[in-house]
Amino acid sequence: MKRNIGTFDRILRITVGLFLIIATTANLIGVWGWIGIVVLATGLLSFCPMYTVLGVRSCGAQTHADKDASGV
């Protein structure tokens, strides 16, 4: 997996994911809030499968380490 989520996007995903999980466990929102697990996971891993499908990268230019790992 190549990193395709930048720092700001990552912080936002972690924050929103935690908020959704906490709000769901506190019964402030419905069961749909468990989607926060996916949002949190993508933030922690710095990888979003949907970004790959859409060809989106929010982390800017590809680093040398990313190029070595991808073989490009």
Protein backbone atom coordinates (compact mmCIF):
# COMPACT_ATOMS: atom_id res chain seq x y z
CA MET A 1 0.00 0.00 0.00
CA LYS A 2 1.36 3.37 -1.02
CA ARG A 3 0.56 6.33 1.17
CA ASN A 4 -2.05 8.49 -0.54
CA ILE A 5 -3.34 10.60 2.37
CA GLY A 6 -1.55 13.80 3.40
CA THR A 7 -1.03 15.20 6.88
CA PHE A 8 -4.06 17.51 7.01
CA ASP A 9 -6.33 14.83 5.52
CA ARG A 10 -4.96 12.29 8.00
CA ILE A 11 -5.56 14.52 11.05
CA LEU A 12 -9.07 15.31 9.84
CA ARG A 13 -9.92 11.63 9.28
CA ILE A 14 -8.61 10.60 12.72
CA THR A 15 -10.53 13.42 14.43
CA VAL A 16 -13.80 12.76 12.59
CA GLY A 17 -13.46 8.99 13.00
CA LEU A 18 -12.96 9.28 16.76
CA PHE A 19 -15.86 11.74 17.04
CA LEU A 20 -18.21 9.39 15.18
CA ILE A 21 -17.21 6.38 17.28
CA ILE A 22 -17.57 8.29 20.56
CA ALA A 23 -20.90 9.83 19.50
CA THR A 24 -22.21 6.39 18.55
CA THR A 25 -21.16 4.74 21.81
CA ALA A 26 -22.76 7.63 23.72
CA ASN A 27 -26.02 7.09 21.77
CA LEU A 28 -25.87 10.63 20.36
CA ILE A 29 -26.16 9.34 16.80
CA GLY A 30 -27.42 6.13 15.24
CA VAL A 31 -25.59 2.99 14.21
CA TRP A 32 -24.40 4.67 11.00
CA GLY A 33 -21.77 6.35 13.19
CA TRP A 34 -19.79 3.11 13.24
CA ILE A 35 -18.54 4.15 9.80
CA GLY A 36 -16.10 6.12 11.92
CA ILE A 37 -14.08 2.92 12.26
CA VAL A 38 -13.34 2.99 8.53
CA VAL A 39 -12.58 6.72 8.60
CA LEU A 40 -10.26 6.25 11.59
CA ALA A 41 -8.50 3.27 9.99
CA THR A 42 -7.81 5.11 6.73
CA GLY A 43 -6.37 8.01 8.73
CA LEU A 44 -4.14 5.78 10.84
CA LEU A 45 -2.89 3.85 7.81
CA SER A 46 -2.51 6.96 5.60
CA PHE A 47 -4.14 4.96 2.83
CA CYS A 48 -7.60 5.22 1.30
CA PRO A 49 -8.67 2.52 -1.19
CA MET A 50 -11.22 4.88 -2.74
CA TYR A 51 -8.48 7.42 -3.45
CA THR A 52 -6.62 4.69 -5.35
CA VAL A 53 -9.70 3.89 -7.45
CA LEU A 54 -10.27 7.58 -8.20
CA GLY A 55 -6.57 8.34 -8.75
CA VAL A 56 -6.50 10.94 -5.95
CA ARG A 57 -3.53 11.73 -3.67
CA SER A 58 -3.74 14.33 -0.92
CA CYS A 59 -0.14 13.83 0.21
CA GLY A 60 1.48 15.84 -2.56
CA ALA A 61 4.41 14.65 -4.63
CA GLN A 62 5.52 11.06 -4.44
CA THR A 63 8.60 10.71 -2.21
CA HIS A 64 11.73 8.77 -3.11
CA ALA A 65 10.78 6.04 -0.61
CA ASP A 66 7.33 5.73 -2.22
CA LYS A 67 8.93 5.41 -5.67
CA ASP A 68 11.28 2.66 -4.44
CA ALA A 69 8.41 0.75 -2.83
CA SER A 70 6.23 0.99 -5.94
CA GLY A 71 8.98 0.05 -8.35
CA VAL A 72 8.34 3.14 -10.50
